[in-house]
Amino acid sequence: PNEEELISCGVIERPILPIKYPIHSGDIPNQFLSSQSGLLDYLR
């Protein structure tokens, strides 16, 4: 909700996580979860 305003005001960031191919729709949650801790480590 309200994504464009939140980004333009600097409230949130929405980084694009890389995809490991090949991928099916059922793989998306797993890839999301796998990438979260790596993103956290990078930010720290």
Full PDB file with SEQRES, HELIX, SHEET, SSBOND, CRYST1, ORIGX, SCALE, CONECT and MASTER records, all heavy atoms in Angstrom:
SEQRES   1 A   44  PRO ASN GLU GLU GLU LEU ILE SER CYS GLY VAL ILE GLU          
SEQRES   2 A   44  ARG PRO ILE LEU PRO ILE LYS TYR PRO ILE HIS SER GLY          
SEQRES   3 A   44  ASP ILE PRO ASN GLN PHE LEU SER SER GLN SER GLY LEU          
SEQRES   4 A   44  LEU ASP TYR LEU ARG                                          
HELIX    1 AA1 GLU A    3  SER A    8  1                                   6    
HELIX    2 AA2 SER A   25  ASP A   27  5                                   3    
HELIX    3 AA3 ILE A   28  LEU A   43  1                                  16    
CRYST1    1.000    1.000    1.000  90.00  90.00  90.00 P 1           1          
ORIGX1      1.000000  0.000000  0.000000        0.00000                         
ORIGX2      0.000000  1.000000  0.000000        0.00000                         
ORIGX3      0.000000  0.000000  1.000000        0.00000                         
SCALE1      1.000000  0.000000  0.000000        0.00000                         
SCALE2      0.000000  1.000000  0.000000        0.00000                         
SCALE3      0.000000  0.000000  1.000000        0.00000                         
ATOM      1  N   PRO A   1       0.821  -1.215   0.000  1.00  0.00           N  
ATOM      2  CA  PRO A   1       0.000   0.000   0.000  1.00  0.00           C  
ATOM      3  C   PRO A   1       0.857   1.269   0.000  1.00  0.00           C  
ATOM      4  O   PRO A   1       1.859   1.349   0.711  1.00  0.00           O  
ATOM      5  CB  PRO A   1      -0.813  -0.114   1.299  1.00  0.00           C  
ATOM      6  CG  PRO A   1      -0.837  -1.574   1.613  1.00  0.00           C  
ATOM      7  CD  PRO A   1       0.482  -2.106   1.141  1.00  0.00           C  
ATOM      8  N   ASN A   2       0.463   2.227  -0.831  1.00  0.00           N  
ATOM      9  CA  ASN A   2       1.095   3.547  -0.839  1.00  0.00           C  
ATOM     10  C   ASN A   2       2.596   3.462  -1.171  1.00  0.00           C  
ATOM     11  O   ASN A   2       3.403   4.251  -0.684  1.00  0.00           O  
ATOM     12  CB  ASN A   2       0.898   4.226   0.517  1.00  0.00           C  
ATOM     13  CG  ASN A   2       1.007   5.734   0.452  1.00  0.00           C  
ATOM     14  OD1 ASN A   2       0.844   6.326  -0.615  1.00  0.00           O  
ATOM     15  ND2 ASN A   2       1.305   6.367   1.570  1.00  0.00           N  
ATOM     16  N   GLU A   3       2.958   2.512  -2.000  1.00  0.00           N  
ATOM     17  CA  GLU A   3       4.366   2.203  -2.236  1.00  0.00           C  
ATOM     18  C   GLU A   3       5.150   3.380  -2.813  1.00  0.00           C  
ATOM     19  O   GLU A   3       6.255   3.696  -2.336  1.00  0.00           O  
ATOM     20  CB  GLU A   3       4.479   0.995  -3.166  1.00  0.00           C  
ATOM     21  CG  GLU A   3       5.905   0.573  -3.448  1.00  0.00           C  
ATOM     22  CD  GLU A   3       5.984  -0.755  -4.185  1.00  0.00           C  
ATOM     23  OE1 GLU A   3       4.980  -1.503  -4.176  1.00  0.00           O  
ATOM     24  OE2 GLU A   3       7.044  -1.041  -4.762  1.00  0.00           O  
ATOM     25  N   GLU A   4       4.619   4.024  -3.835  1.00  0.00           N  
ATOM     26  CA  GLU A   4       5.370   5.082  -4.506  1.00  0.00           C  
ATOM     27  C   GLU A   4       5.662   6.250  -3.569  1.00  0.00           C  
ATOM     28  O   GLU A   4       6.775   6.794  -3.554  1.00  0.00           O  
ATOM     29  CB  GLU A   4       4.608   5.572  -5.737  1.00  0.00           C  
ATOM     30  CG  GLU A   4       4.550   4.549  -6.863  1.00  0.00           C  
ATOM     31  CD  GLU A   4       3.923   5.106  -8.116  1.00  0.00           C  
ATOM     32  OE1 GLU A   4       3.624   6.323  -8.149  1.00  0.00           O  
ATOM     33  OE2 GLU A   4       3.715   4.339  -9.080  1.00  0.00           O  
ATOM     34  N   GLU A   5       4.677   6.663  -2.781  1.00  0.00           N  
ATOM     35  CA  GLU A   5       4.892   7.773  -1.849  1.00  0.00           C  
ATOM     36  C   GLU A   5       5.902   7.395  -0.776  1.00  0.00           C  
ATOM     37  O   GLU A   5       6.761   8.204  -0.411  1.00  0.00           O  
ATOM     38  CB  GLU A   5       3.572   8.192  -1.200  1.00  0.00           C  
ATOM     39  CG  GLU A   5       3.720   9.399  -0.271  1.00  0.00           C  
ATOM     40  CD  GLU A   5       2.431   9.795   0.428  1.00  0.00           C  
ATOM     41  OE1 GLU A   5       1.459   8.992   0.383  1.00  0.00           O  
ATOM     42  OE2 GLU A   5       2.384  10.884   1.025  1.00  0.00           O  
ATOM     43  N   LEU A   6       5.817   6.180  -0.265  1.00  0.00           N  
ATOM     44  CA  LEU A   6       6.739   5.730   0.777  1.00  0.00           C  
ATOM     45  C   LEU A   6       8.179   5.723   0.273  1.00  0.00           C  
ATOM     46  O   LEU A   6       9.106   6.123   0.978  1.00  0.00           O  
ATOM     47  CB  LEU A   6       6.346   4.339   1.262  1.00  0.00           C  
ATOM     48  CG  LEU A   6       5.046   4.244   2.080  1.00  0.00           C  
ATOM     49  CD1 LEU A   6       4.565   2.806   2.140  1.00  0.00           C  
ATOM     50  CD2 LEU A   6       5.253   4.805   3.479  1.00  0.00           C  
ATOM     51  N   ILE A   7       8.370   5.291  -0.961  1.00  0.00           N  
ATOM     52  CA  ILE A   7       9.716   5.267  -1.541  1.00  0.00           C  
ATOM     53  C   ILE A   7      10.215   6.677  -1.807  1.00  0.00           C  
ATOM     54  O   ILE A   7      11.358   7.026  -1.481  1.00  0.00           O  
ATOM     55  CB  ILE A   7       9.727   4.431  -2.831  1.00  0.00           C  
ATOM     56  CG1 ILE A   7       9.471   2.952  -2.507  1.00  0.00           C  
ATOM     57  CG2 ILE A   7      11.067   4.574  -3.560  1.00  0.00           C  
ATOM     58  CD1 ILE A   7       9.325   2.065  -3.728  1.00  0.00           C  
ATOM     59  N   SER A   8       9.356   7.520  -2.386  1.00  0.00           N  
ATOM     60  CA  SER A   8       9.779   8.886  -2.728  1.00  0.00           C  
ATOM     61  C   SER A   8      10.100   9.709  -1.494  1.00  0.00           C  
ATOM     62  O   SER A   8      10.947  10.607  -1.544  1.00  0.00           O  
ATOM     63  CB  SER A   8       8.692   9.583  -3.551  1.00  0.00           C  
ATOM     64  OG  SER A   8       7.503   9.753  -2.791  1.00  0.00           O  
ATOM     65  N   CYS A   9       9.459   9.394  -0.367  1.00  0.00           N  
ATOM     66  CA  CYS A   9       9.722  10.113   0.886  1.00  0.00           C  
ATOM     67  C   CYS A   9      10.875   9.496   1.674  1.00  0.00           C  
ATOM     68  O   CYS A   9      11.213   9.989   2.761  1.00  0.00           O  
ATOM     69  CB  CYS A   9       8.465  10.143   1.754  1.00  0.00           C  
ATOM     70  SG  CYS A   9       7.125  11.147   1.094  1.00  0.00           S  
ATOM     71  N   GLY A  10      11.455   8.428   1.151  1.00  0.00           N  
ATOM     72  CA  GLY A  10      12.583   7.795   1.826  1.00  0.00           C  
ATOM     73  C   GLY A  10      12.199   6.977   3.043  1.00  0.00           C  
ATOM     74  O   GLY A  10      13.057   6.663   3.875  1.00  0.00           O  
ATOM     75  N   VAL A  11      10.927   6.604   3.152  1.00  0.00           N  
ATOM     76  CA  VAL A  11      10.468   5.839   4.314  1.00  0.00           C  
ATOM     77  C   VAL A  11      10.869   4.380   4.190  1.00  0.00           C  
ATOM     78  O   VAL A  11      11.264   3.743   5.171  1.00  0.00           O  
ATOM     79  CB  VAL A  11       8.937   5.974   4.469  1.00  0.00           C  
ATOM     80  CG1 VAL A  11       8.434   5.094   5.616  1.00  0.00           C  
ATOM     81  CG2 VAL A  11       8.551   7.424   4.704  1.00  0.00           C  
ATOM     82  N   ILE A  12      10.756   3.829   2.986  1.00  0.00           N  
ATOM     83  CA  ILE A  12      11.095   2.432   2.773  1.00  0.00           C  
ATOM     84  C   ILE A  12      12.054   2.299   1.596  1.00  0.00           C  
ATOM     85  O   ILE A  12      12.174   3.208   0.766  1.00  0.00           O  
ATOM     86  CB  ILE A  12       9.842   1.558   2.499  1.00  0.00           C  
ATOM     87  CG1 ILE A  12       9.228   1.941   1.140  1.00  0.00           C  
ATOM     88  CG2 ILE A  12       8.841   1.657   3.628  1.00  0.00           C  
ATOM     89  CD1 ILE A  12       8.179   0.963   0.659  1.00  0.00           C  
ATOM     90  N   GLU A  13      12.724   1.162   1.541  1.00  0.00           N  
ATOM     91  CA  GLU A  13      13.495   0.759   0.374  1.00  0.00           C  
ATOM     92  C   GLU A  13      13.005  -0.618  -0.054  1.00  0.00           C  
ATOM     93  O   GLU A  13      12.618  -1.433   0.785  1.00  0.00           O  
ATOM     94  CB  GLU A  13      14.988   0.698   0.693  1.00  0.00           C  
ATOM     95  CG  GLU A  13      15.607   2.047   1.024  1.00  0.00           C  
ATOM     96  CD  GLU A  13      17.093   1.921   1.306  1.00  0.00           C  
ATOM     97  OE1 GLU A  13      17.799   1.291   0.492  1.00  0.00           O  
ATOM     98  OE2 GLU A  13      17.535   2.424   2.359  1.00  0.00           O  
ATOM     99  N   ARG A  14      13.029  -0.857  -1.366  1.00  0.00           N  
ATOM    100  CA  ARG A  14      12.553  -2.129  -1.893  1.00  0.00           C  
ATOM    101  C   ARG A  14      13.611  -2.750  -2.799  1.00  0.00           C  
ATOM    102  O   ARG A  14      13.500  -2.745  -4.030  1.00  0.00           O  
ATOM    103  CB  ARG A  14      11.239  -1.935  -2.653  1.00  0.00           C  
ATOM    104  CG  ARG A  14      10.112  -1.354  -1.786  1.00  0.00           C  
ATOM    105  CD  ARG A  14       8.814  -2.051  -2.047  1.00  0.00           C  
ATOM    106  NE  ARG A  14       8.886  -3.486  -1.827  1.00  0.00           N  
ATOM    107  CZ  ARG A  14       7.961  -4.349  -2.291  1.00  0.00           C  
ATOM    108  NH1 ARG A  14       6.938  -3.901  -2.996  1.00  0.00           N  
ATOM    109  NH2 ARG A  14       8.089  -5.636  -2.057  1.00  0.00           N  
ATOM    110  N   PRO A  15      14.658  -3.295  -2.222  1.00  0.00           N  
ATOM    111  CA  PRO A  15      15.709  -3.911  -3.043  1.00  0.00           C  
ATOM    112  C   PRO A  15      15.185  -5.138  -3.786  1.00  0.00           C  
ATOM    113  O   PRO A  15      14.331  -5.870  -3.283  1.00  0.00           O  
ATOM    114  CB  PRO A  15      16.769  -4.292  -2.011  1.00  0.00           C  
ATOM    115  CG  PRO A  15      16.015  -4.457  -0.735  1.00  0.00           C  
ATOM    116  CD  PRO A  15      14.919  -3.437  -0.775  1.00  0.00           C  
ATOM    117  N   ILE A  16      15.699  -5.331  -4.989  1.00  0.00           N  
ATOM    118  CA  ILE A  16      15.322  -6.485  -5.797  1.00  0.00           C  
ATOM    119  C   ILE A  16      16.252  -7.647  -5.470  1.00  0.00           C  
ATOM    120  O   ILE A  16      17.465  -7.550  -5.655  1.00  0.00           O  
ATOM    121  CB  ILE A  16      15.410  -6.156  -7.300  1.00  0.00           C  
ATOM    122  CG1 ILE A  16      14.549  -4.921  -7.625  1.00  0.00           C  
ATOM    123  CG2 ILE A  16      14.966  -7.359  -8.125  1.00  0.00           C  
ATOM    124  CD1 ILE A  16      13.080  -5.114  -7.376  1.00  0.00           C  
ATOM    125  N   LEU A  17      15.683  -8.726  -4.976  1.00  0.00           N  
ATOM    126  CA  LEU A  17      16.485  -9.901  -4.652  1.00  0.00           C  
ATOM    127  C   LEU A  17      16.738 -10.719  -5.909  1.00  0.00           C  
ATOM    128  O   LEU A  17      15.845 -10.858  -6.761  1.00  0.00           O  
ATOM    129  CB  LEU A  17      15.767 -10.760  -3.613  1.00  0.00           C  
ATOM    130  CG  LEU A  17      15.460 -10.081  -2.268  1.00  0.00           C  
ATOM    131  CD1 LEU A  17      14.701 -11.049  -1.369  1.00  0.00           C  
ATOM    132  CD2 LEU A  17      16.729  -9.603  -1.598  1.00  0.00           C  
ATOM    133  N   PRO A  18      17.929 -11.261  -6.063  1.00  0.00           N  
ATOM    134  CA  PRO A  18      18.232 -12.050  -7.263  1.00  0.00           C  
ATOM    135  C   PRO A  18      17.474 -13.370  -7.269  1.00  0.00           C  
ATOM    136  O   PRO A  18      17.127 -13.927  -6.222  1.00  0.00           O  
ATOM    137  CB  PRO A  18      19.742 -12.274  -7.148  1.00  0.00           C  
ATOM    138  CG  PRO A  18      20.028 -12.203  -5.679  1.00  0.00           C  
ATOM    139  CD  PRO A  18      19.073 -11.181  -5.140  1.00  0.00           C  
ATOM    140  N   ILE A  19      17.223 -13.864  -8.468  1.00  0.00           N  
ATOM    141  CA  ILE A  19      16.523 -15.135  -8.649  1.00  0.00           C  
ATOM    142  C   ILE A  19      17.515 -16.196  -9.108  1.00  0.00           C  
ATOM    143  O   ILE A  19      18.380 -15.931  -9.933  1.00  0.00           O  
ATOM    144  CB  ILE A  19      15.386 -14.993  -9.690  1.00  0.00           C  
ATOM    145  CG1 ILE A  19      14.271 -14.110  -9.139  1.00  0.00           C  
ATOM    146  CG2 ILE A  19      14.823 -16.361 -10.060  1.00  0.00           C  
ATOM    147  CD1 ILE A  19      13.140 -13.884 -10.123  1.00  0.00           C  
ATOM    148  N   LYS A  20      17.370 -17.374  -8.562  1.00  0.00           N  
ATOM    149  CA  LYS A  20      18.153 -18.507  -9.029  1.00  0.00           C  
ATOM    150  C   LYS A  20      17.305 -19.296 -10.021  1.00  0.00           C  
ATOM    151  O   LYS A  20      16.230 -19.791  -9.679  1.00  0.00           O  
ATOM    152  CB  LYS A  20      18.550 -19.401  -7.842  1.00  0.00           C  
ATOM    153  CG  LYS A  20      19.480 -18.728  -6.850  1.00  0.00           C  
ATOM    154  CD  LYS A  20      19.824 -19.660  -5.696  1.00  0.00           C  
ATOM    155  CE  LYS A  20      20.739 -18.985  -4.690  1.00  0.00           C  
ATOM    156  NZ  LYS A  20      21.054 -19.863  -3.542  1.00  0.00           N  
ATOM    157  N   TYR A  21      17.791 -19.356 -11.252  1.00  0.00           N  
ATOM    158  CA  TYR A  21      17.040 -20.038 -12.316  1.00  0.00           C  
ATOM    159  C   TYR A  21      17.513 -21.485 -12.468  1.00  0.00           C  
ATOM    160  O   TYR A  21      18.668 -21.792 -12.161  1.00  0.00           O  
ATOM    161  CB  TYR A  21      17.225 -19.277 -13.633  1.00  0.00           C  
ATOM    162  CG  TYR A  21      16.608 -17.901 -13.628  1.00  0.00           C  
ATOM    163  CD1 TYR A  21      17.377 -16.781 -13.336  1.00  0.00           C  
ATOM    164  CD2 TYR A  21      15.248 -17.730 -13.905  1.00  0.00           C  
ATOM    165  CE1 TYR A  21      16.809 -15.508 -13.334  1.00  0.00           C  
ATOM    166  CE2 TYR A  21      14.687 -16.469 -13.906  1.00  0.00           C  
ATOM    167  CZ  TYR A  21      15.464 -15.358 -13.615  1.00  0.00           C  
ATOM    168  OH  TYR A  21      14.895 -14.099 -13.608  1.00  0.00           O  
ATOM    169  N   PRO A  22      16.632 -22.372 -12.961  1.00  0.00           N  
ATOM    170  CA  PRO A  22      15.230 -22.144 -13.333  1.00  0.00           C  
ATOM    171  C   PRO A  22      14.356 -21.990 -12.090  1.00  0.00           C  
ATOM    172  O   PRO A  22      14.713 -22.481 -11.010  1.00  0.00           O  
ATOM    173  CB  PRO A  22      14.866 -23.406 -14.113  1.00  0.00           C  
ATOM    174  CG  PRO A  22      15.749 -24.462 -13.518  1.00  0.00           C  
ATOM    175  CD  PRO A  22      17.044 -23.773 -13.192  1.00  0.00           C  
ATOM    176  N   ILE A  23      13.219 -21.318 -12.257  1.00  0.00           N  
ATOM    177  CA  ILE A  23      12.340 -21.063 -11.120  1.00  0.00           C  
ATOM    178  C   ILE A  23      10.891 -21.264 -11.527  1.00  0.00           C  
ATOM    179  O   ILE A  23      10.493 -20.962 -12.662  1.00  0.00           O  
ATOM    180  CB  ILE A  23      12.544 -19.631 -10.566  1.00  0.00           C  
ATOM    181  CG1 ILE A  23      11.720 -19.427  -9.295  1.00  0.00           C  
ATOM    182  CG2 ILE A  23      12.188 -18.582 -11.616  1.00  0.00           C  
ATOM    183  CD1 ILE A  23      12.009 -18.124  -8.579  1.00  0.00           C  
ATOM    184  N   HIS A  24      10.113 -21.810 -10.617  1.00  0.00           N  
ATOM    185  CA  HIS A  24       8.669 -21.954 -10.787  1.00  0.00           C  
ATOM    186  C   HIS A  24       7.994 -21.120  -9.699  1.00  0.00           C  
ATOM    187  O   HIS A  24       8.621 -20.732  -8.708  1.00  0.00           O  
ATOM    188  CB  HIS A  24       8.254 -23.415 -10.676  1.00  0.00           C  
ATOM    189  CG  HIS A  24       8.956 -24.317 -11.642  1.00  0.00           C  
ATOM    190  ND1 HIS A  24       8.618 -24.384 -12.973  1.00  0.00           N  
ATOM    191  CD2 HIS A  24       9.997 -25.172 -11.463  1.00  0.00           C  
ATOM    192  CE1 HIS A  24       9.414 -25.249 -13.586  1.00  0.00           C  
ATOM    193  NE2 HIS A  24      10.257 -25.742 -12.691  1.00  0.00           N  
ATOM    194  N   SER A  25       6.714 -20.837  -9.879  1.00  0.00           N  
ATOM    195  CA  SER A  25       6.004 -19.985  -8.921  1.00  0.00           C  
ATOM    196  C   SER A  25       6.079 -20.544  -7.503  1.00  0.00           C  
ATOM    197  O   SER A  25       6.153 -19.791  -6.528  1.00  0.00           O  
ATOM    198  CB  SER A  25       4.542 -19.814  -9.348  1.00  0.00           C  
ATOM    199  OG  SER A  25       3.887 -21.080  -9.418  1.00  0.00           O  
ATOM    200  N   GLY A  26       6.101 -21.874  -7.380  1.00  0.00           N  
ATOM    201  CA  GLY A  26       6.180 -22.470  -6.051  1.00  0.00           C  
ATOM    202  C   GLY A  26       7.519 -22.295  -5.374  1.00  0.00           C  
ATOM    203  O   GLY A  26       7.648 -22.518  -4.164  1.00  0.00           O  
ATOM    204  N   ASP A  27       8.532 -21.884  -6.144  1.00  0.00           N  
ATOM    205  CA  ASP A  27       9.865 -21.683  -5.577  1.00  0.00           C  
ATOM    206  C   ASP A  27      10.051 -20.299  -4.963  1.00  0.00           C  
ATOM    207  O   ASP A  27      11.030 -20.071  -4.241  1.00  0.00           O  
ATOM    208  CB  ASP A  27      10.940 -21.862  -6.659  1.00  0.00           C  
ATOM    209  CG  ASP A  27      10.921 -23.246  -7.278  1.00  0.00           C  
ATOM    210  OD1 ASP A  27      10.569 -24.194  -6.550  1.00  0.00           O  
ATOM    211  OD2 ASP A  27      11.245 -23.363  -8.467  1.00  0.00           O  
ATOM    212  N   ILE A  28       9.132 -19.371  -5.253  1.00  0.00           N  
ATOM    213  CA  ILE A  28       9.324 -17.972  -4.848  1.00  0.00           C  
ATOM    214  C   ILE A  28       9.453 -17.820  -3.333  1.00  0.00           C  
ATOM    215  O   ILE A  28      10.380 -17.156  -2.854  1.00  0.00           O  
ATOM    216  CB  ILE A  28       8.173 -17.097  -5.399  1.00  0.00           C  
ATOM    217  CG1 ILE A  28       8.236 -17.072  -6.923  1.00  0.00           C  
ATOM    218  CG2 ILE A  28       8.272 -15.673  -4.840  1.00  0.00           C  
ATOM    219  CD1 ILE A  28       7.063 -16.372  -7.561  1.00  0.00           C  
ATOM    220  N   PRO A  29       8.543 -18.395  -2.530  1.00  0.00           N  
ATOM    221  CA  PRO A  29       8.694 -18.238  -1.072  1.00  0.00           C  
ATOM    222  C   PRO A  29      10.039 -18.729  -0.558  1.00  0.00           C  
ATOM    223  O   PRO A  29      10.668 -18.073   0.280  1.00  0.00           O  
ATOM    224  CB  PRO A  29       7.533 -19.048  -0.509  1.00  0.00           C  
ATOM    225  CG  PRO A  29       6.520 -19.085  -1.595  1.00  0.00           C  
ATOM    226  CD  PRO A  29       7.322 -19.149  -2.861  1.00  0.00           C  
ATOM    227  N   ASN A  30      10.502 -19.878  -1.057  1.00  0.00           N  
ATOM    228  CA  ASN A  30      11.787 -20.410  -0.606  1.00  0.00           C  
ATOM    229  C   ASN A  30      12.930 -19.464  -0.940  1.00  0.00           C  
ATOM    230  O   ASN A  30      13.836 -19.250  -0.121  1.00  0.00           O  
ATOM    231  CB  ASN A  30      12.038 -21.779  -1.240  1.00  0.00           C  
ATOM    232  CG  ASN A  30      11.062 -22.833  -0.778  1.00  0.00           C  
ATOM    233  OD1 ASN A  30       9.853 -22.679  -0.938  1.00  0.00           O  
ATOM    234  ND2 ASN A  30      11.567 -23.904  -0.209  1.00  0.00           N  
ATOM    235  N   GLN A  31      12.896 -18.894  -2.147  1.00  0.00           N  
ATOM    236  CA  GLN A  31      13.966 -17.987  -2.541  1.00  0.00           C  
ATOM    237  C   GLN A  31      13.905 -16.682  -1.745  1.00  0.00           C  
ATOM    238  O   GLN A  31      14.939 -16.111  -1.394  1.00  0.00           O  
ATOM    239  CB  GLN A  31      13.905 -17.723  -4.044  1.00  0.00           C  
ATOM    240  CG  GLN A  31      14.267 -18.932  -4.880  1.00  0.00           C  
ATOM    241  CD  GLN A  31      14.933 -18.570  -6.196  1.00  0.00           C  
ATOM    242  OE1 GLN A  31      15.459 -17.479  -6.369  1.00  0.00           O  
ATOM    243  NE2 GLN A  31      14.914 -19.512  -7.124  1.00  0.00           N  
ATOM    244  N   PHE A  32      12.698 -16.202  -1.478  1.00  0.00           N  
ATOM    245  CA  PHE A  32      12.547 -15.027  -0.625  1.00  0.00           C  
ATOM    246  C   PHE A  32      13.210 -15.269   0.729  1.00  0.00           C  
ATOM    247  O   PHE A  32      14.013 -14.470   1.220  1.00  0.00           O  
ATOM    248  CB  PHE A  32      11.064 -14.721  -0.400  1.00  0.00           C  
ATOM    249  CG  PHE A  32      10.592 -13.459  -1.065  1.00  0.00           C  
ATOM    250  CD1 PHE A  32       9.416 -13.441  -1.785  1.00  0.00           C  
ATOM    251  CD2 PHE A  32      11.303 -12.276  -0.959  1.00  0.00           C  
ATOM    252  CE1 PHE A  32       8.960 -12.288  -2.399  1.00  0.00           C  
ATOM    253  CE2 PHE A  32      10.863 -11.107  -1.555  1.00  0.00           C  
ATOM    254  CZ  PHE A  32       9.680 -11.123  -2.283  1.00  0.00           C  
ATOM    255  N   LEU A  33      12.851 -16.382   1.357  1.00  0.00           N  
ATOM    256  CA  LEU A  33      13.357 -16.686   2.688  1.00  0.00           C  
ATOM    257  C   LEU A  33      14.866 -16.916   2.682  1.00  0.00           C  
ATOM    258  O   LEU A  33      15.571 -16.490   3.594  1.00  0.00           O  
ATOM    259  CB  LEU A  33      12.641 -17.917   3.246  1.00  0.00           C  
ATOM    260  CG  LEU A  33      11.157 -17.708   3.606  1.00  0.00           C  
ATOM    261  CD1 LEU A  33      10.461 -19.049   3.793  1.00  0.00           C  
ATOM    262  CD2 LEU A  33      11.019 -16.859   4.852  1.00  0.00           C  
ATOM    263  N   SER A  34      15.353 -17.570   1.644  1.00  0.00           N  
ATOM    264  CA  SER A  34      16.791 -17.841   1.559  1.00  0.00           C  
ATOM    265  C   SER A  34      17.591 -16.550   1.443  1.00  0.00           C  
ATOM    266  O   SER A  34      18.719 -16.457   1.937  1.00  0.00           O  
ATOM    267  CB  SER A  34      17.083 -18.740   0.354  1.00  0.00           C  
ATOM    268  OG  SER A  34      16.477 -19.994   0.501  1.00  0.00           O  
ATOM    269  N   SER A  35      17.021 -15.564   0.774  1.00  0.00           N  
ATOM    270  CA  SER A  35      17.737 -14.308   0.527  1.00  0.00           C  
ATOM    271  C   SER A  35      17.703 -13.349   1.713  1.00  0.00           C  
ATOM    272  O   SER A  35      18.546 -12.458   1.816  1.00  0.00           O  
ATOM    273  CB  SER A  35      17.156 -13.606  -0.705  1.00  0.00           C  
ATOM    274  OG  SER A  35      17.254 -14.411  -1.846  1.00  0.00           O  
ATOM    275  N   GLN A  36      16.726 -13.521   2.628  1.00  0.00           N  
ATOM    276  CA  GLN A  36      16.554 -12.533   3.680  1.00  0.00           C  
ATOM    277  C   GLN A  36      17.751 -12.441   4.609  1.00  0.00           C  
ATOM    278  O   GLN A  36      18.229 -11.349   4.924  1.00  0.00           O  
ATOM    279  CB  GLN A  36      15.294 -12.821   4.498  1.00  0.00           C  
ATOM    280  CG  GLN A  36      14.973 -11.687   5.485  1.00  0.00           C  
ATOM    281  CD  GLN A  36      13.793 -12.022   6.397  1.00  0.00           C  
ATOM    282  OE1 GLN A  36      13.673 -13.148   6.866  1.00  0.00           O  
ATOM    283  NE2 GLN A  36      12.940 -11.048   6.647  1.00  0.00           N  
ATOM    284  N   SER A  37      18.268 -13.577   5.046  1.00  0.00           N  
ATOM    285  CA  SER A  37      19.386 -13.538   5.989  1.00  0.00           C  
ATOM    286  C   SER A  37      20.643 -13.007   5.315  1.00  0.00           C  
ATOM    287  O   SER A  37      21.463 -12.332   5.951  1.00  0.00           O  
ATOM    288  CB  SER A  37      19.644 -14.926   6.589  1.00  0.00           C  
ATOM    289  OG  SER A  37      19.944 -15.867   5.577  1.00  0.00           O  
ATOM    290  N   GLY A  38      20.822 -13.295   3.999  1.00  0.00           N  
ATOM    291  CA  GLY A  38      21.961 -12.747   3.276  1.00  0.00           C  
ATOM    292  C   GLY A  38      21.887 -11.244   3.168  1.00  0.00           C  
ATOM    293  O   GLY A  38      22.900 -10.545   3.319  1.00  0.00           O  
ATOM    294  N   LEU A  39      20.682 -10.718   2.919  1.00  0.00           N  
ATOM    295  CA  LEU A  39      20.487  -9.268   2.872  1.00  0.00           C  
ATOM    296  C   LEU A  39      20.751  -8.649   4.235  1.00  0.00           C  
ATOM    297  O   LEU A  39      21.373  -7.586   4.342  1.00  0.00           O  
ATOM    298  CB  LEU A  39      19.058  -8.961   2.412  1.00  0.00           C  
ATOM    299  CG  LEU A  39      18.642  -7.487   2.361  1.00  0.00           C  
ATOM    300  CD1 LEU A  39      19.558  -6.689   1.442  1.00  0.00           C  
ATOM    301  CD2 LEU A  39      17.179  -7.371   1.915  1.00  0.00           C  
ATOM    302  N   LEU A  40      20.300  -9.317   5.287  1.00  0.00           N  
ATOM    303  CA  LEU A  40      20.545  -8.822   6.643  1.00  0.00           C  
ATOM    304  C   LEU A  40      22.040  -8.755   6.941  1.00  0.00           C  
ATOM    305  O   LEU A  40      22.532  -7.757   7.481  1.00  0.00           O  
ATOM    306  CB  LEU A  40      19.847  -9.720   7.658  1.00  0.00           C  
ATOM    307  CG  LEU A  40      20.021  -9.338   9.125  1.00  0.00           C  
ATOM    308  CD1 LEU A  40      19.264  -8.058   9.449  1.00  0.00           C  
ATOM    309  CD2 LEU A  40      19.550 -10.472  10.035  1.00  0.00           C  
ATOM    310  N   ASP A  41      22.770  -9.800   6.590  1.00  0.00           N  
ATOM    311  CA  ASP A  41      24.223  -9.815   6.816  1.00  0.00           C  
ATOM    312  C   ASP A  41      24.895  -8.671   6.066  1.00  0.00           C  
ATOM    313  O   ASP A  41      25.800  -8.010   6.602  1.00  0.00           O  
ATOM    314  CB  ASP A  41      24.815 -11.149   6.371  1.00  0.00           C  
ATOM    315  CG  ASP A  41      24.414 -12.304   7.275  1.00  0.00           C  
ATOM    316  OD1 ASP A  41      23.994 -12.033   8.414  1.00  0.00           O  
ATOM    317  OD2 ASP A  41      24.509 -13.463   6.821  1.00  0.00           O  
ATOM    318  N   TYR A  42      24.479  -8.434   4.827  1.00  0.00           N  
ATOM    319  CA  TYR A  42      25.052  -7.358   4.027  1.00  0.00           C  
ATOM    320  C   TYR A  42      24.812  -5.998   4.684  1.00  0.00           C  
ATOM    321  O   TYR A  42      25.735  -5.175   4.805  1.00  0.00           O  
ATOM    322  CB  TYR A  42      24.449  -7.378   2.625  1.00  0.00           C  
ATOM    323  CG  TYR A  42      24.807  -6.175   1.789  1.00  0.00           C  
ATOM    324  CD1 TYR A  42      26.036  -6.107   1.121  1.00  0.00           C  
ATOM    325  CD2 TYR A  42      23.937  -5.094   1.679  1.00  0.00           C  
ATOM    326  CE1 TYR A  42      26.379  -4.995   0.359  1.00  0.00           C  
ATOM    327  CE2 TYR A  42      24.265  -3.978   0.929  1.00  0.00           C  
ATOM    328  CZ  TYR A  42      25.490  -3.938   0.275  1.00  0.00           C  
ATOM    329  OH  TYR A  42      25.818  -2.824  -0.470  1.00  0.00           O  
ATOM    330  N   LEU A  43      23.595  -5.752   5.129  1.00  0.00           N  
ATOM    331  CA  LEU A  43      23.262  -4.464   5.743  1.00  0.00           C  
ATOM    332  C   LEU A  43      24.035  -4.258   7.041  1.00  0.00           C  
ATOM    333  O   LEU A  43      24.474  -3.147   7.344  1.00  0.00           O  
ATOM    334  CB  LEU A  43      21.756  -4.381   6.001  1.00  0.00           C  
ATOM    335  CG  LEU A  43      20.874  -4.277   4.751  1.00  0.00           C  
ATOM    336  CD1 LEU A  43      19.408  -4.497   5.107  1.00  0.00           C  
ATOM    337  CD2 LEU A  43      21.050  -2.924   4.080  1.00  0.00           C  
ATOM    338  N   ARG A  44      24.203  -5.321   7.814  1.00  0.00           N  
ATOM    339  CA  ARG A  44      24.944  -5.193   9.068  1.00  0.00           C  
ATOM    340  C   ARG A  44      26.417  -4.868   8.833  1.00  0.00           C  
ATOM    341  O   ARG A  44      27.040  -4.199   9.655  1.00  0.00           O  
ATOM    342  CB  ARG A  44      24.798  -6.478   9.890  1.00  0.00           C  
ATOM    343  CG  ARG A  44      23.434  -6.606  10.557  1.00  0.00           C  
ATOM    344  CD  ARG A  44      23.250  -7.933  11.269  1.00  0.00           C  
ATOM    345  NE  ARG A  44      22.009  -7.943  12.039  1.00  0.00           N  
ATOM    346  CZ  ARG A  44      21.474  -9.023  12.591  1.00  0.00           C  
ATOM    347  NH1 ARG A  44      22.087 -10.198  12.459  1.00  0.00           N  
ATOM    348  NH2 ARG A  44      20.345  -8.950  13.273  1.00  0.00           N  
TER     349      ARG A  44                                                      
MASTER        0    0    0    3    0    0    0    6  348    1    0    4          
END                                                                             
